[in-house]
N, C-alpha and C. Protein backbone atom coordinates (compact mmCIF):
# COMPACT_ATOMS: atom_id res chain seq x y z
N MET A 1 -34.69 -29.54 16.25
CA MET A 1 -33.88 -28.40 15.89
C MET A 1 -33.26 -28.58 14.52
N ALA A 2 -33.91 -29.31 13.68
CA ALA A 2 -33.41 -29.51 12.33
C ALA A 2 -33.45 -28.19 11.57
N GLY A 3 -32.32 -27.86 10.92
CA GLY A 3 -32.25 -26.65 10.12
C GLY A 3 -31.89 -25.40 10.89
N THR A 4 -31.72 -25.47 12.20
CA THR A 4 -31.31 -24.29 12.97
C THR A 4 -29.95 -24.54 13.57
N ASN A 5 -29.26 -23.49 13.81
CA ASN A 5 -27.93 -23.55 14.40
C ASN A 5 -28.05 -23.10 15.85
N ALA A 6 -27.82 -23.99 16.78
CA ALA A 6 -27.97 -23.67 18.20
C ALA A 6 -26.96 -22.61 18.63
N LEU A 7 -25.81 -22.54 17.97
CA LEU A 7 -24.80 -21.55 18.33
C LEU A 7 -25.19 -20.14 17.90
N ALA A 8 -26.02 -20.01 16.88
CA ALA A 8 -26.42 -18.70 16.37
C ALA A 8 -27.54 -18.08 17.18
N ASP A 9 -28.22 -18.84 18.04
CA ASP A 9 -29.33 -18.32 18.83
C ASP A 9 -28.77 -17.58 20.05
N THR A 10 -28.84 -16.25 20.01
CA THR A 10 -28.31 -15.44 21.11
C THR A 10 -29.41 -14.82 21.96
N SER A 11 -30.66 -15.21 21.71
CA SER A 11 -31.77 -14.59 22.45
C SER A 11 -31.73 -14.93 23.93
N SER A 12 -31.13 -16.05 24.30
CA SER A 12 -31.10 -16.42 25.71
C SER A 12 -29.90 -15.85 26.45
N LEU A 13 -29.00 -15.16 25.75
CA LEU A 13 -27.82 -14.59 26.41
C LEU A 13 -28.16 -13.26 27.05
N PRO A 14 -27.59 -12.96 28.21
CA PRO A 14 -27.83 -11.66 28.83
C PRO A 14 -27.06 -10.57 28.08
N ASN A 15 -27.53 -9.35 28.18
CA ASN A 15 -26.84 -8.22 27.57
C ASN A 15 -25.52 -8.01 28.31
N PRO A 16 -24.43 -7.70 27.57
CA PRO A 16 -23.15 -7.48 28.24
C PRO A 16 -23.21 -6.19 29.05
N PRO A 17 -22.48 -6.15 30.15
CA PRO A 17 -22.48 -4.92 30.95
C PRO A 17 -21.78 -3.79 30.19
N THR A 18 -22.22 -2.57 30.40
CA THR A 18 -21.59 -1.43 29.73
C THR A 18 -20.67 -0.74 30.72
N MET A 19 -19.60 -0.21 30.19
CA MET A 19 -18.64 0.51 31.03
C MET A 19 -19.03 1.98 31.03
N PRO A 20 -19.02 2.61 32.18
CA PRO A 20 -19.31 4.04 32.20
C PRO A 20 -18.24 4.81 31.42
N GLY A 21 -18.64 5.70 30.55
CA GLY A 21 -17.71 6.52 29.78
C GLY A 21 -17.19 5.86 28.51
N PHE A 22 -17.65 4.64 28.20
CA PHE A 22 -17.12 3.95 27.02
C PHE A 22 -17.48 4.67 25.73
N GLU A 23 -18.71 5.15 25.62
CA GLU A 23 -19.14 5.83 24.40
C GLU A 23 -18.29 7.09 24.16
N GLU A 24 -18.05 7.84 25.21
CA GLU A 24 -17.22 9.04 25.07
C GLU A 24 -15.79 8.66 24.66
N TRP A 25 -15.25 7.61 25.28
CA TRP A 25 -13.90 7.16 24.93
C TRP A 25 -13.85 6.74 23.47
N LEU A 26 -14.85 5.99 23.01
CA LEU A 26 -14.88 5.51 21.64
C LEU A 26 -14.96 6.69 20.67
N ASN A 27 -15.78 7.67 20.95
CA ASN A 27 -15.89 8.85 20.07
C ASN A 27 -14.55 9.59 19.99
N ASN A 28 -13.89 9.76 21.14
CA ASN A 28 -12.61 10.45 21.15
C ASN A 28 -11.53 9.65 20.41
N ALA A 29 -11.56 8.33 20.57
CA ALA A 29 -10.58 7.49 19.87
C ALA A 29 -10.80 7.59 18.36
N ASN A 30 -12.03 7.58 17.91
CA ASN A 30 -12.33 7.70 16.48
C ASN A 30 -11.89 9.06 15.94
N LYS A 31 -12.12 10.13 16.70
CA LYS A 31 -11.68 11.46 16.27
C LYS A 31 -10.16 11.52 16.16
N GLY A 32 -9.48 10.89 17.11
CA GLY A 32 -8.01 10.86 17.06
C GLY A 32 -7.50 10.12 15.85
N LEU A 33 -8.13 9.00 15.52
CA LEU A 33 -7.72 8.24 14.34
C LEU A 33 -7.98 9.02 13.05
N GLU A 34 -9.12 9.71 13.00
CA GLU A 34 -9.42 10.51 11.82
C GLU A 34 -8.36 11.60 11.64
N GLY A 35 -7.96 12.23 12.73
CA GLY A 35 -6.91 13.25 12.66
C GLY A 35 -5.58 12.67 12.20
N LEU A 36 -5.25 11.49 12.69
CA LEU A 36 -4.01 10.83 12.29
C LEU A 36 -4.02 10.50 10.81
N PHE A 37 -5.13 9.94 10.33
CA PHE A 37 -5.24 9.61 8.91
C PHE A 37 -5.17 10.87 8.05
N SER A 38 -5.82 11.94 8.49
CA SER A 38 -5.78 13.19 7.73
C SER A 38 -4.36 13.73 7.64
N TYR A 39 -3.61 13.62 8.72
CA TYR A 39 -2.23 14.09 8.74
C TYR A 39 -1.40 13.35 7.70
N PHE A 40 -1.49 12.02 7.69
CA PHE A 40 -0.68 11.25 6.75
C PHE A 40 -1.15 11.44 5.31
N ARG A 41 -2.45 11.62 5.11
CA ARG A 41 -2.94 11.90 3.76
C ARG A 41 -2.39 13.23 3.26
N SER A 42 -2.36 14.23 4.11
CA SER A 42 -1.87 15.54 3.68
C SER A 42 -0.38 15.50 3.42
N ARG A 43 0.37 14.72 4.17
CA ARG A 43 1.82 14.63 3.95
C ARG A 43 2.15 13.89 2.68
N SER A 44 1.42 12.83 2.37
CA SER A 44 1.75 12.05 1.17
C SER A 44 1.33 12.79 -0.08
N GLY A 45 0.45 13.77 0.03
CA GLY A 45 -0.01 14.50 -1.14
C GLY A 45 0.64 15.85 -1.30
N SER A 46 1.69 16.13 -0.53
CA SER A 46 2.29 17.46 -0.60
C SER A 46 3.36 17.51 -1.67
N SER A 47 3.01 18.10 -2.80
CA SER A 47 3.98 18.21 -3.89
C SER A 47 4.44 19.65 -4.07
N GLY A 48 3.77 20.60 -3.42
CA GLY A 48 4.13 21.99 -3.58
C GLY A 48 3.52 22.62 -4.82
N GLY A 49 3.03 21.81 -5.74
CA GLY A 49 2.47 22.33 -6.98
C GLY A 49 0.98 22.57 -6.92
N GLY A 50 0.32 22.14 -5.87
CA GLY A 50 -1.10 22.35 -5.74
C GLY A 50 -1.95 21.31 -6.45
N ASN A 51 -1.34 20.32 -7.06
CA ASN A 51 -2.09 19.27 -7.74
C ASN A 51 -2.50 18.21 -6.75
N ASP A 52 -3.55 17.45 -7.12
CA ASP A 52 -4.01 16.37 -6.26
C ASP A 52 -2.99 15.24 -6.20
N ASP A 53 -2.34 14.95 -7.33
CA ASP A 53 -1.35 13.88 -7.38
C ASP A 53 0.00 14.44 -7.00
N SER A 54 0.70 13.76 -6.13
CA SER A 54 2.04 14.20 -5.76
C SER A 54 3.03 13.74 -6.82
N GLU A 55 4.22 14.27 -6.75
CA GLU A 55 5.28 13.85 -7.67
C GLU A 55 5.58 12.37 -7.48
N CYS A 56 5.52 11.88 -6.24
CA CYS A 56 5.76 10.46 -5.97
C CYS A 56 4.71 9.60 -6.67
N ASP A 57 3.46 10.01 -6.61
CA ASP A 57 2.38 9.25 -7.25
C ASP A 57 2.54 9.24 -8.76
N ARG A 58 2.86 10.40 -9.33
CA ARG A 58 3.03 10.48 -10.79
C ARG A 58 4.19 9.59 -11.24
N ARG A 59 5.27 9.64 -10.49
CA ARG A 59 6.44 8.83 -10.84
C ARG A 59 6.11 7.33 -10.75
N HIS A 60 5.37 6.96 -9.71
CA HIS A 60 5.00 5.56 -9.54
C HIS A 60 4.11 5.08 -10.68
N GLN A 61 3.15 5.90 -11.06
CA GLN A 61 2.26 5.53 -12.16
C GLN A 61 3.04 5.38 -13.47
N GLU A 62 4.00 6.26 -13.69
CA GLU A 62 4.82 6.19 -14.91
C GLU A 62 5.66 4.91 -14.91
N GLU A 63 6.25 4.58 -13.77
CA GLU A 63 7.07 3.37 -13.70
C GLU A 63 6.22 2.11 -13.88
N ALA A 64 5.02 2.09 -13.30
CA ALA A 64 4.13 0.94 -13.49
C ALA A 64 3.72 0.81 -14.96
N ARG A 65 3.51 1.94 -15.64
CA ARG A 65 3.18 1.93 -17.06
C ARG A 65 4.34 1.35 -17.87
N LYS A 66 5.56 1.74 -17.52
CA LYS A 66 6.73 1.21 -18.22
C LYS A 66 6.87 -0.30 -18.00
N CYS A 67 6.55 -0.76 -16.79
CA CYS A 67 6.58 -2.21 -16.50
C CYS A 67 5.61 -2.94 -17.42
N ALA A 68 4.41 -2.37 -17.57
CA ALA A 68 3.39 -3.00 -18.42
C ALA A 68 3.84 -3.02 -19.88
N GLU A 69 4.53 -1.96 -20.32
CA GLU A 69 5.03 -1.91 -21.70
C GLU A 69 6.11 -2.97 -21.93
N ARG A 70 6.95 -3.22 -20.93
CA ARG A 70 8.04 -4.17 -21.07
C ARG A 70 7.56 -5.62 -20.95
N ARG A 71 6.42 -5.82 -20.35
CA ARG A 71 5.96 -7.17 -20.00
C ARG A 71 5.99 -8.17 -21.17
N PRO A 72 5.51 -7.81 -22.36
CA PRO A 72 5.54 -8.81 -23.45
C PRO A 72 6.95 -9.26 -23.83
N LEU A 73 7.95 -8.44 -23.53
CA LEU A 73 9.32 -8.76 -23.91
C LEU A 73 10.10 -9.44 -22.78
N MET A 74 9.49 -9.58 -21.62
CA MET A 74 10.18 -10.18 -20.48
C MET A 74 10.28 -11.69 -20.65
N ALA A 75 11.43 -12.24 -20.23
CA ALA A 75 11.67 -13.68 -20.39
C ALA A 75 10.80 -14.51 -19.46
N HIS A 76 10.39 -13.95 -18.35
CA HIS A 76 9.58 -14.69 -17.38
C HIS A 76 8.63 -13.72 -16.70
N ASP A 77 7.45 -14.19 -16.33
CA ASP A 77 6.45 -13.32 -15.70
C ASP A 77 6.88 -12.82 -14.33
N ASP A 78 7.82 -13.51 -13.68
CA ASP A 78 8.31 -13.03 -12.38
C ASP A 78 8.98 -11.66 -12.51
N TYR A 79 9.54 -11.38 -13.69
CA TYR A 79 10.18 -10.08 -13.89
C TYR A 79 9.15 -8.95 -13.80
N TYR A 80 7.95 -9.19 -14.27
CA TYR A 80 6.91 -8.17 -14.20
C TYR A 80 6.59 -7.84 -12.75
N GLY A 81 6.44 -8.89 -11.93
CA GLY A 81 6.21 -8.66 -10.50
C GLY A 81 7.36 -7.92 -9.85
N GLY A 82 8.59 -8.27 -10.25
CA GLY A 82 9.77 -7.58 -9.72
C GLY A 82 9.79 -6.13 -10.11
N CYS A 83 9.40 -5.85 -11.34
CA CYS A 83 9.36 -4.47 -11.82
C CYS A 83 8.35 -3.65 -11.02
N LEU A 84 7.17 -4.22 -10.80
CA LEU A 84 6.15 -3.52 -10.00
C LEU A 84 6.58 -3.36 -8.56
N ASP A 85 7.25 -4.38 -8.00
CA ASP A 85 7.75 -4.27 -6.63
C ASP A 85 8.78 -3.16 -6.51
N ARG A 86 9.65 -3.03 -7.52
CA ARG A 86 10.66 -1.97 -7.51
C ARG A 86 10.00 -0.60 -7.56
N ALA A 87 9.00 -0.46 -8.41
CA ALA A 87 8.28 0.82 -8.51
C ALA A 87 7.62 1.15 -7.17
N GLN A 88 7.05 0.14 -6.51
CA GLN A 88 6.41 0.35 -5.20
C GLN A 88 7.45 0.76 -4.15
N GLU A 89 8.60 0.11 -4.17
CA GLU A 89 9.67 0.43 -3.22
C GLU A 89 10.14 1.87 -3.41
N ARG A 90 10.29 2.28 -4.66
CA ARG A 90 10.73 3.65 -4.94
C ARG A 90 9.66 4.66 -4.53
N TRP A 91 8.38 4.31 -4.73
CA TRP A 91 7.29 5.20 -4.31
C TRP A 91 7.28 5.37 -2.79
N LEU A 92 7.43 4.26 -2.05
CA LEU A 92 7.44 4.34 -0.60
C LEU A 92 8.60 5.20 -0.10
N GLY A 93 9.77 5.04 -0.71
CA GLY A 93 10.91 5.85 -0.32
C GLY A 93 10.66 7.32 -0.55
N CYS A 94 10.02 7.64 -1.66
CA CYS A 94 9.70 9.03 -2.00
C CYS A 94 8.70 9.61 -0.99
N VAL A 95 7.66 8.86 -0.68
CA VAL A 95 6.65 9.34 0.27
C VAL A 95 7.27 9.54 1.66
N LYS A 96 8.10 8.57 2.09
CA LYS A 96 8.74 8.68 3.40
C LYS A 96 9.71 9.86 3.46
N ASN A 97 10.21 10.30 2.32
CA ASN A 97 11.16 11.40 2.26
C ASN A 97 10.44 12.74 2.05
N GLY A 98 9.17 12.80 2.34
CA GLY A 98 8.43 14.06 2.26
C GLY A 98 8.04 14.47 0.86
N GLY A 99 7.91 13.51 -0.07
CA GLY A 99 7.46 13.84 -1.42
C GLY A 99 8.58 14.05 -2.42
N LYS A 100 9.81 13.79 -2.00
CA LYS A 100 10.95 13.93 -2.91
C LYS A 100 11.70 12.60 -2.94
N PRO A 101 12.24 12.22 -4.09
CA PRO A 101 13.03 10.99 -4.14
C PRO A 101 14.23 11.10 -3.21
N PRO A 102 14.51 10.05 -2.43
CA PRO A 102 15.68 10.10 -1.55
C PRO A 102 16.97 10.10 -2.37
N ARG A 103 18.04 10.58 -1.77
CA ARG A 103 19.32 10.65 -2.48
C ARG A 103 19.81 9.26 -2.88
N ARG A 104 19.69 8.31 -1.97
CA ARG A 104 20.17 6.96 -2.25
C ARG A 104 18.97 6.03 -2.36
N GLU A 105 18.48 5.87 -3.56
CA GLU A 105 17.37 4.96 -3.77
C GLU A 105 17.76 3.94 -4.83
N VAL A 106 17.07 2.83 -4.84
CA VAL A 106 17.35 1.82 -5.85
C VAL A 106 17.00 2.40 -7.22
N PRO A 107 17.74 2.01 -8.24
CA PRO A 107 17.44 2.56 -9.56
C PRO A 107 16.13 2.01 -10.12
N GLU A 108 15.59 2.74 -11.07
CA GLU A 108 14.39 2.28 -11.76
C GLU A 108 14.70 0.97 -12.48
N TRP A 109 13.69 0.11 -12.63
CA TRP A 109 13.85 -1.19 -13.28
C TRP A 109 14.38 -1.00 -14.70
N GLY A 110 15.34 -1.85 -15.09
CA GLY A 110 15.91 -1.73 -16.42
C GLY A 110 16.35 -3.08 -16.96
N ASP A 111 17.03 -3.05 -18.10
CA ASP A 111 17.47 -4.28 -18.77
C ASP A 111 18.37 -5.14 -17.87
N ASP A 112 19.20 -4.51 -17.08
CA ASP A 112 20.11 -5.27 -16.21
C ASP A 112 19.37 -6.12 -15.18
N ASP A 113 18.15 -5.75 -14.87
CA ASP A 113 17.36 -6.50 -13.89
C ASP A 113 16.74 -7.76 -14.49
N GLU A 114 16.79 -7.90 -15.78
CA GLU A 114 16.15 -9.03 -16.45
C GLU A 114 17.16 -10.00 -17.06
N GLU A 115 18.33 -10.05 -16.48
CA GLU A 115 19.35 -10.96 -17.01
C GLU A 115 18.93 -12.40 -16.74
N THR A 116 18.85 -13.20 -17.78
CA THR A 116 18.50 -14.60 -17.67
C THR A 116 19.63 -15.41 -18.29
N TRP A 117 20.09 -16.40 -17.57
CA TRP A 117 21.16 -17.24 -18.11
C TRP A 117 20.96 -18.68 -17.65
N ILE A 118 21.59 -19.56 -18.35
CA ILE A 118 21.51 -20.99 -18.04
C ILE A 118 22.85 -21.44 -17.49
N ASP A 119 22.85 -22.17 -16.42
CA ASP A 119 24.07 -22.71 -15.82
C ASP A 119 24.40 -24.03 -16.52
N PRO A 120 25.43 -24.06 -17.36
CA PRO A 120 25.73 -25.30 -18.07
C PRO A 120 26.29 -26.40 -17.16
N ASN A 121 26.71 -26.04 -15.96
CA ASN A 121 27.28 -27.02 -15.03
C ASN A 121 26.22 -27.66 -14.14
N ARG A 122 25.00 -27.43 -14.41
CA ARG A 122 23.94 -27.97 -13.58
C ARG A 122 23.62 -29.38 -13.91
C-alpha cells in the first residue's frame, strides 16, 4: 500500500441511510435562508434615494479614504487600524439604525485619537 492512503479509500463503506423527506426539508431550509439574506440585503441598502450605495456605505467609504490619507502622518501603524475600526463601528451603527446615523455614536476619527506621549516616570 505504498503511496496510498488507507483512510481515503471509501469504496468499502456502505452508503449512509437516507431520511424520508430530507431533500424536501433541505430545499425549504435553503429557500428560507435565501429569503432571510434578501431581507437583510434590502434593509442595509435602503437609503431612500434609489441608489445602489446606501448613505451608510458612502460614509464608511469616505471615512476609510480619510484614514488612508492620514496614514503617512500617523505616529504608529496601530492608529491606522484604529481609524478603520472606528469607521467600521460607525458603519455598523448606521446600518443597525435603518440606514441613518444613530443619535449617540462615537465621533469620526480625528487628531485627538492619535495622542502619543512618553511617560517620563517609567
